[in-house]
PDB file of N, CA and C in Angstrom:
ATOM      1  N   GLN A   1     -21.389   2.111 -21.643  1.00  0.00           N
ATOM      2  CA  GLN A   1     -20.245   3.000 -21.633  1.00  0.00           C
ATOM      3  C   GLN A   1     -20.481   4.125 -20.626  1.00  0.00           C
ATOM      4  N   VAL A   2     -19.570   4.283 -19.708  1.00  0.00           N
ATOM      5  CA  VAL A   2     -19.689   5.347 -18.719  1.00  0.00           C
ATOM      6  C   VAL A   2     -19.304   6.672 -19.353  1.00  0.00           C
ATOM      7  N   GLN A   3     -20.126   7.661 -19.130  1.00  0.00           N
ATOM      8  CA  GLN A   3     -19.838   9.013 -19.632  1.00  0.00           C
ATOM      9  C   GLN A   3     -19.873  10.007 -18.481  1.00  0.00           C
ATOM     10  N   LEU A   4     -18.957  10.963 -18.522  1.00  0.00           N
ATOM     11  CA  LEU A   4     -18.866  11.983 -17.489  1.00  0.00           C
ATOM     12  C   LEU A   4     -18.905  13.351 -18.158  1.00  0.00           C
ATOM     13  N   VAL A   5     -19.703  14.246 -17.606  1.00  0.00           N
ATOM     14  CA  VAL A   5     -19.810  15.598 -18.150  1.00  0.00           C
ATOM     15  C   VAL A   5     -19.591  16.593 -17.015  1.00  0.00           C
ATOM     16  N   GLU A   6     -18.528  17.380 -17.157  1.00  0.00           N
ATOM     17  CA  GLU A   6     -18.226  18.406 -16.163  1.00  0.00           C
ATOM     18  C   GLU A   6     -18.929  19.714 -16.501  1.00  0.00           C
ATOM     19  N   SER A   7     -19.184  20.501 -15.469  1.00  0.00           N
ATOM     20  CA  SER A   7     -19.742  21.833 -15.647  1.00  0.00           C
ATOM     21  C   SER A   7     -19.311  22.704 -14.470  1.00  0.00           C
ATOM     22  N   GLY A   8     -19.495  24.009 -14.634  1.00  0.00           N
ATOM     23  CA  GLY A   8     -19.224  24.923 -13.536  1.00  0.00           C
ATOM     24  C   GLY A   8     -17.943  25.715 -13.642  1.00  0.00           C
ATOM     25  N   GLY A   9     -17.142  25.447 -14.669  1.00  0.00           N
ATOM     26  CA  GLY A   9     -15.914  26.212 -14.824  1.00  0.00           C
ATOM     27  C   GLY A   9     -16.202  27.641 -15.245  1.00  0.00           C
ATOM     28  N   GLY A  10     -15.168  28.468 -15.185  1.00  0.00           N
ATOM     29  CA  GLY A  10     -15.328  29.855 -15.584  1.00  0.00           C
ATOM     30  C   GLY A  10     -14.194  30.708 -15.077  1.00  0.00           C
ATOM     31  N   LEU A  11     -14.421  31.999 -15.156  1.00  0.00           N
ATOM     32  CA  LEU A  11     -13.428  32.980 -14.723  1.00  0.00           C
ATOM     33  C   LEU A  11     -13.783  33.466 -13.321  1.00  0.00           C
ATOM     34  N   VAL A  12     -12.805  33.463 -12.433  1.00  0.00           N
ATOM     35  CA  VAL A  12     -13.033  33.915 -11.059  1.00  0.00           C
ATOM     36  C   VAL A  12     -11.808  34.695 -10.588  1.00  0.00           C
ATOM     37  N   GLN A  13     -12.018  35.652  -9.724  1.00  0.00           N
ATOM     38  CA  GLN A  13     -10.904  36.444  -9.210  1.00  0.00           C
ATOM     39  C   GLN A  13     -10.160  35.681  -8.119  1.00  0.00           C
ATOM     40  N   PRO A  14      -8.897  35.997  -7.932  1.00  0.00           N
ATOM     41  CA  PRO A  14      -8.156  35.373  -6.823  1.00  0.00           C
ATOM     42  C   PRO A  14      -8.878  35.588  -5.505  1.00  0.00           C
ATOM     43  N   GLY A  15      -8.931  34.527  -4.701  1.00  0.00           N
ATOM     44  CA  GLY A  15      -9.647  34.570  -3.442  1.00  0.00           C
ATOM     45  C   GLY A  15     -11.103  34.165  -3.552  1.00  0.00           C
ATOM     46  N   GLY A  16     -11.569  34.015  -4.761  1.00  0.00           N
ATOM     47  CA  GLY A  16     -12.965  33.657  -4.984  1.00  0.00           C
ATOM     48  C   GLY A  16     -13.222  32.165  -4.884  1.00  0.00           C
ATOM     49  N   SER A  17     -14.466  31.810  -5.160  1.00  0.00           N
ATOM     50  CA  SER A  17     -14.892  30.413  -5.058  1.00  0.00           C
ATOM     51  C   SER A  17     -15.598  29.978  -6.329  1.00  0.00           C
ATOM     52  N   LEU A  18     -15.578  28.677  -6.522  1.00  0.00           N
ATOM     53  CA  LEU A  18     -16.234  28.088  -7.688  1.00  0.00           C
ATOM     54  C   LEU A  18     -16.571  26.644  -7.331  1.00  0.00           C
ATOM     55  N   THR A  19     -17.692  26.168  -7.841  1.00  0.00           N
ATOM     56  CA  THR A  19     -18.054  24.768  -7.635  1.00  0.00           C
ATOM     57  C   THR A  19     -18.176  24.063  -8.971  1.00  0.00           C
ATOM     58  N   LEU A  20     -17.429  22.996  -9.131  1.00  0.00           N
ATOM     59  CA  LEU A  20     -17.506  22.163 -10.323  1.00  0.00           C
ATOM     60  C   LEU A  20     -18.425  20.971 -10.061  1.00  0.00           C
ATOM     61  N   SER A  21     -19.136  20.583 -11.090  1.00  0.00           N
ATOM     62  CA  SER A  21     -20.007  19.415 -10.986  1.00  0.00           C
ATOM     63  C   SER A  21     -19.671  18.426 -12.088  1.00  0.00           C
ATOM     64  N   CYS A  22     -19.928  17.165 -11.805  1.00  0.00           N
ATOM     65  CA  CYS A  22     -19.676  16.103 -12.774  1.00  0.00           C
ATOM     66  C   CYS A  22     -20.879  15.167 -12.753  1.00  0.00           C
ATOM     67  N   ALA A  23     -21.566  15.086 -13.879  1.00  0.00           N
ATOM     68  CA  ALA A  23     -22.712  14.181 -14.006  1.00  0.00           C
ATOM     69  C   ALA A  23     -22.246  12.890 -14.668  1.00  0.00           C
ATOM     70  N   VAL A  24     -22.538  11.774 -14.040  1.00  0.00           N
ATOM     71  CA  VAL A  24     -22.094  10.475 -14.537  1.00  0.00           C
ATOM     72  C   VAL A  24     -23.298   9.696 -15.054  1.00  0.00           C
ATOM     73  N   SER A  25     -23.162   9.131 -16.244  1.00  0.00           N
ATOM     74  CA  SER A  25     -24.207   8.281 -16.809  1.00  0.00           C
ATOM     75  C   SER A  25     -23.588   6.996 -17.333  1.00  0.00           C
ATOM     76  N   GLY A  26     -24.421   5.969 -17.466  1.00  0.00           N
ATOM     77  CA  GLY A  26     -23.922   4.692 -17.963  1.00  0.00           C
ATOM     78  C   GLY A  26     -23.269   3.834 -16.902  1.00  0.00           C
ATOM     79  N   GLY A  27     -23.235   4.300 -15.680  1.00  0.00           N
ATOM     80  CA  GLY A  27     -22.649   3.546 -14.582  1.00  0.00           C
ATOM     81  C   GLY A  27     -22.994   4.216 -13.266  1.00  0.00           C
ATOM     82  N   VAL A  28     -23.100   3.447 -12.198  1.00  0.00           N
ATOM     83  CA  VAL A  28     -23.412   4.027 -10.892  1.00  0.00           C
ATOM     84  C   VAL A  28     -22.115   4.327 -10.152  1.00  0.00           C
ATOM     85  N   ILE A  29     -22.103   5.448  -9.449  1.00  0.00           N
ATOM     86  CA  ILE A  29     -20.865   5.860  -8.792  1.00  0.00           C
ATOM     87  C   ILE A  29     -20.678   5.226  -7.427  1.00  0.00           C
ATOM     88  N   SER A  30     -21.732   4.636  -6.868  1.00  0.00           N
ATOM     89  CA  SER A  30     -21.642   4.164  -5.488  1.00  0.00           C
ATOM     90  C   SER A  30     -20.481   3.193  -5.231  1.00  0.00           C
ATOM     91  N   PRO A  31     -20.156   2.267  -6.133  1.00  0.00           N
ATOM     92  CA  PRO A  31     -19.034   1.368  -5.849  1.00  0.00           C
ATOM     93  C   PRO A  31     -17.691   1.881  -6.377  1.00  0.00           C
ATOM     94  N   ALA A  32     -17.697   3.066  -6.959  1.00  0.00           N
ATOM     95  CA  ALA A  32     -16.525   3.555  -7.676  1.00  0.00           C
ATOM     96  C   ALA A  32     -15.740   4.588  -6.873  1.00  0.00           C
ATOM     97  N   THR A  33     -14.491   4.711  -7.236  1.00  0.00           N
ATOM     98  CA  THR A  33     -13.700   5.863  -6.807  1.00  0.00           C
ATOM     99  C   THR A  33     -13.887   6.946  -7.852  1.00  0.00           C
ATOM    100  N   VAL A  34     -14.242   8.125  -7.405  1.00  0.00           N
ATOM    101  CA  VAL A  34     -14.430   9.251  -8.308  1.00  0.00           C
ATOM    102  C   VAL A  34     -13.550  10.398  -7.838  1.00  0.00           C
ATOM    103  N   GLY A  35     -13.259  11.286  -8.746  1.00  0.00           N
ATOM    104  CA  GLY A  35     -12.393  12.387  -8.339  1.00  0.00           C
ATOM    105  C   GLY A  35     -12.120  13.356  -9.452  1.00  0.00           C
ATOM    106  N   TRP A  36     -11.095  14.176  -9.204  1.00  0.00           N
ATOM    107  CA  TRP A  36     -10.748  15.248 -10.130  1.00  0.00           C
ATOM    108  C   TRP A  36      -9.237  15.302 -10.343  1.00  0.00           C
ATOM    109  N   TYR A  37      -8.882  15.564 -11.586  1.00  0.00           N
ATOM    110  CA  TYR A  37      -7.529  15.922 -11.967  1.00  0.00           C
ATOM    111  C   TYR A  37      -7.604  17.301 -12.608  1.00  0.00           C
ATOM    112  N   ARG A  38      -6.447  17.909 -12.787  1.00  0.00           N
ATOM    113  CA  ARG A  38      -6.393  19.158 -13.543  1.00  0.00           C
ATOM    114  C   ARG A  38      -5.132  19.181 -14.385  1.00  0.00           C
ATOM    115  N   GLN A  39      -5.184  19.975 -15.433  1.00  0.00           N
ATOM    116  CA  GLN A  39      -4.042  20.052 -16.336  1.00  0.00           C
ATOM    117  C   GLN A  39      -3.900  21.437 -16.916  1.00  0.00           C
ATOM    118  N   VAL A  40      -2.687  21.952 -16.849  1.00  0.00           N
ATOM    119  CA  VAL A  40      -2.326  23.187 -17.526  1.00  0.00           C
ATOM    120  C   VAL A  40      -1.722  22.789 -18.862  1.00  0.00           C
ATOM    121  N   PRO A  41      -2.150  23.404 -19.954  1.00  0.00           N
ATOM    122  CA  PRO A  41      -1.573  23.048 -21.262  1.00  0.00           C
ATOM    123  C   PRO A  41      -0.053  23.061 -21.239  1.00  0.00           C
ATOM    124  N   GLY A  42       0.529  21.974 -21.735  1.00  0.00           N
ATOM    125  CA  GLY A  42       1.977  21.877 -21.759  1.00  0.00           C
ATOM    126  C   GLY A  42       2.570  21.217 -20.533  1.00  0.00           C
ATOM    127  N   LYS A  43       1.713  20.935 -19.541  1.00  0.00           N
ATOM    128  CA  LYS A  43       2.188  20.288 -18.316  1.00  0.00           C
ATOM    129  C   LYS A  43       1.448  18.976 -18.110  1.00  0.00           C
ATOM    130  N   GLU A  44       1.979  18.154 -17.202  1.00  0.00           N
ATOM    131  CA  GLU A  44       1.350  16.867 -16.921  1.00  0.00           C
ATOM    132  C   GLU A  44       0.061  17.061 -16.131  1.00  0.00           C
ATOM    133  N   ARG A  45      -0.825  16.089 -16.299  1.00  0.00           N
ATOM    134  CA  ARG A  45      -2.075  16.124 -15.546  1.00  0.00           C
ATOM    135  C   ARG A  45      -1.771  15.888 -14.072  1.00  0.00           C
ATOM    136  N   GLU A  46      -2.418  16.670 -13.212  1.00  0.00           N
ATOM    137  CA  GLU A  46      -2.157  16.630 -11.772  1.00  0.00           C
ATOM    138  C   GLU A  46      -3.406  16.150 -11.039  1.00  0.00           C
ATOM    139  N   TRP A  47      -3.230  15.155 -10.180  1.00  0.00           N
ATOM    140  CA  TRP A  47      -4.354  14.691  -9.373  1.00  0.00           C
ATOM    141  C   TRP A  47      -4.716  15.761  -8.349  1.00  0.00           C
ATOM    142  N   VAL A  48      -6.022  15.986  -8.138  1.00  0.00           N
ATOM    143  CA  VAL A  48      -6.490  17.030  -7.231  1.00  0.00           C
ATOM    144  C   VAL A  48      -7.164  16.434  -5.996  1.00  0.00           C
ATOM    145  N   ALA A  49      -8.141  15.558  -6.220  1.00  0.00           N
ATOM    146  CA  ALA A  49      -8.916  15.030  -5.091  1.00  0.00           C
ATOM    147  C   ALA A  49      -9.626  13.754  -5.524  1.00  0.00           C
ATOM    148  N   SER A  50      -9.936  12.913  -4.537  1.00  0.00           N
ATOM    149  CA  SER A  50     -10.683  11.697  -4.837  1.00  0.00           C
ATOM    150  C   SER A  50     -11.606  11.342  -3.682  1.00  0.00           C
ATOM    151  N   SER A  51     -12.646  10.598  -4.027  1.00  0.00           N
ATOM    152  CA  SER A  51     -13.616  10.125  -3.044  1.00  0.00           C
ATOM    153  C   SER A  51     -13.825   8.636  -3.279  1.00  0.00           C
ATOM    154  N   GLY A  52     -13.468   7.822  -2.297  1.00  0.00           N
ATOM    155  CA  GLY A  52     -13.589   6.387  -2.437  1.00  0.00           C
ATOM    156  C   GLY A  52     -15.009   5.890  -2.199  1.00  0.00           C
ATOM    157  N   ALA A  53     -15.235   4.640  -2.545  1.00  0.00           N
ATOM    158  CA  ALA A  53     -16.569   4.044  -2.427  1.00  0.00           C
ATOM    159  C   ALA A  53     -17.064   4.031  -0.984  1.00  0.00           C
ATOM    160  N   TYR A  54     -16.139   3.967  -0.027  1.00  0.00           N
ATOM    161  CA  TYR A  54     -16.521   3.926   1.374  1.00  0.00           C
ATOM    162  C   TYR A  54     -16.416   5.284   2.056  1.00  0.00           C
ATOM    163  N   GLY A  55     -16.284   6.338   1.257  1.00  0.00           N
ATOM    164  CA  GLY A  55     -16.362   7.689   1.792  1.00  0.00           C
ATOM    165  C   GLY A  55     -15.044   8.367   2.081  1.00  0.00           C
ATOM    166  N   ARG A  56     -13.942   7.647   1.906  1.00  0.00           N
ATOM    167  CA  ARG A  56     -12.654   8.275   2.210  1.00  0.00           C
ATOM    168  C   ARG A  56     -12.339   9.336   1.163  1.00  0.00           C
ATOM    169  N   ARG A  57     -11.999  10.517   1.620  1.00  0.00           N
ATOM    170  CA  ARG A  57     -11.666  11.620   0.727  1.00  0.00           C
ATOM    171  C   ARG A  57     -10.194  11.981   0.894  1.00  0.00           C
ATOM    172  N   MET A  58      -9.560  12.222  -0.230  1.00  0.00           N
ATOM    173  CA  MET A  58      -8.144  12.573  -0.214  1.00  0.00           C
ATOM    174  C   MET A  58      -7.911  13.771  -1.108  1.00  0.00           C
ATOM    175  N   TYR A  59      -6.877  14.554  -0.756  1.00  0.00           N
ATOM    176  CA  TYR A  59      -6.594  15.783  -1.483  1.00  0.00           C
ATOM    177  C   TYR A  59      -5.097  15.934  -1.727  1.00  0.00           C
ATOM    178  N   ALA A  60      -4.782  16.571  -2.833  1.00  0.00           N
ATOM    179  CA  ALA A  60      -3.403  16.966  -3.074  1.00  0.00           C
ATOM    180  C   ALA A  60      -3.027  18.042  -2.064  1.00  0.00           C
ATOM    181  N   ASP A  61      -1.767  18.078  -1.692  1.00  0.00           N
ATOM    182  CA  ASP A  61      -1.312  19.073  -0.715  1.00  0.00           C
ATOM    183  C   ASP A  61      -1.598  20.496  -1.190  1.00  0.00           C
ATOM    184  N   SER A  62      -1.542  20.706  -2.493  1.00  0.00           N
ATOM    185  CA  SER A  62      -1.706  22.050  -3.045  1.00  0.00           C
ATOM    186  C   SER A  62      -3.125  22.592  -2.878  1.00  0.00           C
ATOM    187  N   VAL A  63      -4.095  21.715  -2.614  1.00  0.00           N
ATOM    188  CA  VAL A  63      -5.485  22.179  -2.488  1.00  0.00           C
ATOM    189  C   VAL A  63      -6.092  21.854  -1.129  1.00  0.00           C
ATOM    190  N   LYS A  64      -5.363  21.148  -0.293  1.00  0.00           N
ATOM    191  CA  LYS A  64      -5.888  20.727   1.003  1.00  0.00           C
ATOM    192  C   LYS A  64      -6.283  21.946   1.828  1.00  0.00           C
ATOM    193  N   GLY A  65      -7.474  21.893   2.409  1.00  0.00           N
ATOM    194  CA  GLY A  65      -7.973  23.010   3.203  1.00  0.00           C
ATOM    195  C   GLY A  65      -8.724  24.051   2.399  1.00  0.00           C
ATOM    196  N   ARG A  66      -8.622  23.971   1.069  1.00  0.00           N
ATOM    197  CA  ARG A  66      -9.311  24.949   0.216  1.00  0.00           C
ATOM    198  C   ARG A  66     -10.391  24.289  -0.646  1.00  0.00           C
ATOM    199  N   PHE A  67     -10.153  23.052  -1.054  1.00  0.00           N
ATOM    200  CA  PHE A  67     -11.083  22.334  -1.921  1.00  0.00           C
ATOM    201  C   PHE A  67     -11.783  21.240  -1.130  1.00  0.00           C
ATOM    202  N   THR A  68     -13.034  20.979  -1.502  1.00  0.00           N
ATOM    203  CA  THR A  68     -13.798  19.899  -0.875  1.00  0.00           C
ATOM    204  C   THR A  68     -14.498  19.088  -1.956  1.00  0.00           C
ATOM    205  N   ILE A  69     -14.242  17.790  -1.958  1.00  0.00           N
ATOM    206  CA  ILE A  69     -14.916  16.907  -2.913  1.00  0.00           C
ATOM    207  C   ILE A  69     -16.122  16.274  -2.228  1.00  0.00           C
ATOM    208  N   SER A  70     -17.191  16.132  -2.971  1.00  0.00           N
ATOM    209  CA  SER A  70     -18.374  15.466  -2.440  1.00  0.00           C
ATOM    210  C   SER A  70     -19.016  14.624  -3.533  1.00  0.00           C
ATOM    211  N   ARG A  71     -19.809  13.672  -3.114  1.00  0.00           N
ATOM    212  CA  ARG A  71     -20.493  12.805  -4.069  1.00  0.00           C
ATOM    213  C   ARG A  71     -21.933  12.617  -3.626  1.00  0.00           C
ATOM    214  N   ASP A  72     -22.820  12.518  -4.602  1.00  0.00           N
ATOM    215  CA  ASP A  72     -24.218  12.240  -4.334  1.00  0.00           C
ATOM    216  C   ASP A  72     -24.551  10.955  -5.080  1.00  0.00           C
ATOM    217  N   ASN A  73     -24.530   9.852  -4.362  1.00  0.00           N
ATOM    218  CA  ASN A  73     -24.756   8.567  -5.006  1.00  0.00           C
ATOM    219  C   ASN A  73     -26.171   8.453  -5.581  1.00  0.00           C
ATOM    220  N   ALA A  74     -27.117   9.121  -4.954  1.00  0.00           N
ATOM    221  CA  ALA A  74     -28.497   9.063  -5.444  1.00  0.00           C
ATOM    222  C   ALA A  74     -28.638   9.786  -6.787  1.00  0.00           C
ATOM    223  N   LYS A  75     -27.923  10.889  -6.928  1.00  0.00           N
ATOM    224  CA  LYS A  75     -27.994  11.669  -8.169  1.00  0.00           C
ATOM    225  C   LYS A  75     -26.901  11.285  -9.157  1.00  0.00           C
ATOM    226  N   ASN A  76     -25.963  10.438  -8.704  1.00  0.00           N
ATOM    227  CA  ASN A  76     -24.845  10.019  -9.560  1.00  0.00           C
ATOM    228  C   ASN A  76     -23.992  11.201 -10.008  1.00  0.00           C
ATOM    229  N   THR A  77     -23.718  12.082  -9.057  1.00  0.00           N
ATOM    230  CA  THR A  77     -22.921  13.259  -9.362  1.00  0.00           C
ATOM    231  C   THR A  77     -21.761  13.413  -8.388  1.00  0.00           C
ATOM    232  N   VAL A  78     -20.743  14.112  -8.840  1.00  0.00           N
ATOM    233  CA  VAL A  78     -19.560  14.425  -8.047  1.00  0.00           C
ATOM    234  C   VAL A  78     -19.335  15.925  -8.133  1.00  0.00           C
ATOM    235  N   SER A  79     -18.978  16.532  -7.020  1.00  0.00           N
ATOM    236  CA  SER A  79     -18.745  17.972  -7.009  1.00  0.00           C
ATOM    237  C   SER A  79     -17.387  18.293  -6.418  1.00  0.00           C
ATOM    238  N   LEU A  80     -16.893  19.462  -6.788  1.00  0.00           N
ATOM    239  CA  LEU A  80     -15.641  19.962  -6.218  1.00  0.00           C
ATOM    240  C   LEU A  80     -15.863  21.420  -5.846  1.00  0.00           C
ATOM    241  N   GLN A  81     -15.952  21.684  -4.553  1.00  0.00           N
ATOM    242  CA  GLN A  81     -16.084  23.042  -4.059  1.00  0.00           C
ATOM    243  C   GLN A  81     -14.686  23.615  -3.896  1.00  0.00           C
ATOM    244  N   MET A  82     -14.423  24.721  -4.591  1.00  0.00           N
ATOM    245  CA  MET A  82     -13.093  25.321  -4.574  1.00  0.00           C
ATOM    246  C   MET A  82     -13.169  26.707  -3.958  1.00  0.00           C
ATOM    247  N   ASN A  83     -12.485  26.901  -2.862  1.00  0.00           N
ATOM    248  CA  ASN A  83     -12.459  28.187  -2.165  1.00  0.00           C
ATOM    249  C   ASN A  83     -11.056  28.772  -2.182  1.00  0.00           C
ATOM    250  N   THR A  84     -10.987  30.051  -1.882  1.00  0.00           N
ATOM    251  CA  THR A  84      -9.703  30.762  -1.808  1.00  0.00           C
ATOM    252  C   THR A  84      -8.838  30.429  -3.024  1.00  0.00           C
ATOM    253  N   LEU A  85      -9.426  30.592  -4.184  1.00  0.00           N
ATOM    254  CA  LEU A  85      -8.727  30.225  -5.412  1.00  0.00           C
ATOM    255  C   LEU A  85      -7.528  31.117  -5.664  1.00  0.00           C
ATOM    256  N   LYS A  86      -6.497  30.508  -6.261  1.00  0.00           N
ATOM    257  CA  LYS A  86      -5.251  31.194  -6.570  1.00  0.00           C
ATOM    258  C   LYS A  86      -5.003  31.137  -8.069  1.00  0.00           C
ATOM    259  N   PRO A  87      -4.227  32.058  -8.611  1.00  0.00           N
ATOM    260  CA  PRO A  87      -3.922  32.002 -10.050  1.00  0.00           C
ATOM    261  C   PRO A  87      -3.330  30.650 -10.469  1.00  0.00           C
ATOM    262  N   GLU A  88      -2.573  30.025  -9.599  1.00  0.00           N
ATOM    263  CA  GLU A  88      -1.982  28.730  -9.935  1.00  0.00           C
ATOM    264  C   GLU A  88      -3.001  27.584  -9.974  1.00  0.00           C
ATOM    265  N   ASP A  89      -4.243  27.858  -9.601  1.00  0.00           N
ATOM    266  CA  ASP A  89      -5.308  26.857  -9.742  1.00  0.00           C
ATOM    267  C   ASP A  89      -5.884  26.859 -11.161  1.00  0.00           C
ATOM    268  N   THR A  90      -5.476  27.816 -11.969  1.00  0.00           N
ATOM    269  CA  THR A  90      -5.946  27.882 -13.349  1.00  0.00           C
ATOM    270  C   THR A  90      -5.552  26.626 -14.104  1.00  0.00           C
ATOM    271  N   ALA A  91      -6.552  25.947 -14.681  1.00  0.00           N
ATOM    272  CA  ALA A  91      -6.303  24.689 -15.383  1.00  0.00           C
ATOM    273  C   ALA A  91      -7.615  24.185 -15.977  1.00  0.00           C
ATOM    274  N   ILE A  92      -7.501  23.144 -16.759  1.00  0.00           N
ATOM    275  CA  ILE A  92      -8.679  22.397 -17.181  1.00  0.00           C
ATOM    276  C   ILE A  92      -8.879  21.298 -16.143  1.00  0.00           C
ATOM    277  N   TYR A  93     -10.074  21.223 -15.598  1.00  0.00           N
ATOM    278  CA  TYR A  93     -10.379  20.245 -14.556  1.00  0.00           C
ATOM    279  C   TYR A  93     -11.169  19.081 -15.156  1.00  0.00           C
ATOM    280  N   TYR A  94     -10.694  17.886 -14.878  1.00  0.00           N
ATOM    281  CA  TYR A  94     -11.297  16.671 -15.411  1.00  0.00           C
ATOM    282  C   TYR A  94     -11.840  15.804 -14.285  1.00  0.00           C
ATOM    283  N   CYS A  95     -13.049  15.337 -14.476  1.00  0.00           N
ATOM    284  CA  CYS A  95     -13.660  14.393 -13.559  1.00  0.00           C
ATOM    285  C   CYS A  95     -13.291  12.980 -14.002  1.00  0.00           C
ATOM    286  N   TYR A  96     -13.099  12.068 -13.049  1.00  0.00           N
ATOM    287  CA  TYR A  96     -12.825  10.687 -13.423  1.00  0.00           C
ATOM    288  C   TYR A  96     -13.611   9.720 -12.561  1.00  0.00           C
ATOM    289  N   TYR A  97     -13.778   8.528 -13.139  1.00  0.00           N
ATOM    290  CA  TYR A  97     -14.550   7.457 -12.512  1.00  0.00           C
ATOM    291  C   TYR A  97     -13.726   6.191 -12.656  1.00  0.00           C
ATOM    292  N   LYS A  98     -13.493   5.493 -11.529  1.00  0.00           N
ATOM    293  CA  LYS A  98     -12.627   4.323 -11.565  1.00  0.00           C
ATOM    294  C   LYS A  98     -13.352   3.147 -10.922  1.00  0.00           C
ATOM    295  N   HIS A  99     -13.767   2.192 -11.772  1.00  0.00           N
ATOM    296  CA  HIS A  99     -14.399   0.967 -11.278  1.00  0.00           C
ATOM    297  C   HIS A  99     -14.280  -0.070 -12.381  1.00  0.00           C
ATOM    298  N   HIS A 100     -13.380  -1.004 -12.258  1.00  0.00           N
ATOM    299  CA  HIS A 100     -13.031  -1.997 -13.278  1.00  0.00           C
ATOM    300  C   HIS A 100     -12.281  -1.357 -14.442  1.00  0.00           C
ATOM    301  N   ALA A 101     -12.552  -0.110 -14.729  1.00  0.00           N
ATOM    302  CA  ALA A 101     -11.860   0.630 -15.788  1.00  0.00           C
ATOM    303  C   ALA A 101     -11.898   2.108 -15.421  1.00  0.00           C
ATOM    304  N   ASP A 102     -11.094   2.866 -16.132  1.00  0.00           N
ATOM    305  CA  ASP A 102     -11.047   4.319 -15.883  1.00  0.00           C
ATOM    306  C   ASP A 102     -11.803   5.061 -16.966  1.00  0.00           C
ATOM    307  N   TYR A 103     -12.585   6.038 -16.527  1.00  0.00           N
ATOM    308  CA  TYR A 103     -13.325   6.872 -17.470  1.00  0.00           C
ATOM    309  C   TYR A 103     -13.104   8.331 -17.110  1.00  0.00           C
ATOM    310  N   TRP A 104     -13.091   9.161 -18.139  1.00  0.00           N
ATOM    311  CA  TRP A 104     -12.793  10.579 -17.960  1.00  0.00           C
ATOM    312  C   TRP A 104     -13.817  11.442 -18.671  1.00  0.00           C
ATOM    313  N   GLY A 105     -14.038  12.630 -18.113  1.00  0.00           N
ATOM    314  CA  GLY A 105     -14.815  13.626 -18.815  1.00  0.00           C
ATOM    315  C   GLY A 105     -13.926  14.418 -19.754  1.00  0.00           C
ATOM    316  N   LYS A 106     -14.520  15.375 -20.447  1.00  0.00           N
ATOM    317  CA  LYS A 106     -13.765  16.176 -21.413  1.00  0.00           C
ATOM    318  C   LYS A 106     -13.162  17.429 -20.787  1.00  0.00           C
ATOM    319  N   GLY A 107     -13.551  17.711 -19.566  1.00  0.00           N
ATOM    320  CA  GLY A 107     -12.930  18.807 -18.834  1.00  0.00           C
ATOM    321  C   GLY A 107     -13.711  20.101 -18.878  1.00  0.00           C
ATOM    322  N   THR A 108     -13.438  20.931 -17.867  1.00  0.00           N
ATOM    323  CA  THR A 108     -14.015  22.273 -17.808  1.00  0.00           C
ATOM    324  C   THR A 108     -12.916  23.229 -17.365  1.00  0.00           C
ATOM    325  N   LEU A 109     -12.857  24.382 -18.020  1.00  0.00           N
ATOM    326  CA  LEU A 109     -11.755  25.317 -17.794  1.00  0.00           C
ATOM    327  C   LEU A 109     -12.051  26.227 -16.607  1.00  0.00           C
ATOM    328  N   VAL A 110     -11.096  26.309 -15.716  1.00  0.00           N
ATOM    329  CA  VAL A 110     -11.151  27.246 -14.589  1.00  0.00           C
ATOM    330  C   VAL A 110     -10.015  28.238 -14.753  1.00  0.00           C
ATOM    331  N   THR A 111     -10.364  29.516 -14.770  1.00  0.00           N
ATOM    332  CA  THR A 111      -9.362  30.569 -14.892  1.00  0.00           C
ATOM    333  C   THR A 111      -9.454  31.477 -13.674  1.00  0.00           C
ATOM    334  N   VAL A 112      -8.353  31.604 -12.962  1.00  0.00           N
ATOM    335  CA  VAL A 112      -8.300  32.460 -11.775  1.00  0.00           C
ATOM    336  C   VAL A 112      -7.419  33.655 -12.111  1.00  0.00           C
ATOM    337  N   SER A 113      -8.051  34.798 -12.258  1.00  0.00           N
ATOM    338  CA  SER A 113      -7.316  35.976 -12.700  1.00  0.00           C
ATOM    339  C   SER A 113      -8.078  37.235 -12.315  1.00  0.00           C
ATOM    340  N   SER A 114      -7.314  38.291 -12.058  1.00  0.00           N
ATOM    341  CA  SER A 114      -7.955  39.574 -11.771  1.00  0.00           C
ATOM    342  C   SER A 114      -8.057  40.415 -13.034  1.00  0.00           C
TER     343      SER A 114
END
């Protein structure tokens, strides 16, 4: 069973930066698509970024130029570097792993507020 554990969330001021990490166990990430979604309570889950098995990285328009997704296949981890954060980035961020099936972490809360 693939398990994902996110970390790195917290409170940050507008314009600040934060890095989220996702540790994956029970499966190797090298052949998988991994990425991040986010969700504000009461709203639909929104795709944020993804990293394909062959290195292709994609971003939602709302975060393009501010967020960077990376993967470390040797450590089986996925990261999301978030810069120039805005209050509208406030959400629970979920890591996902897609290879034959979809797996999700439990999420980490990011709050952008002064």
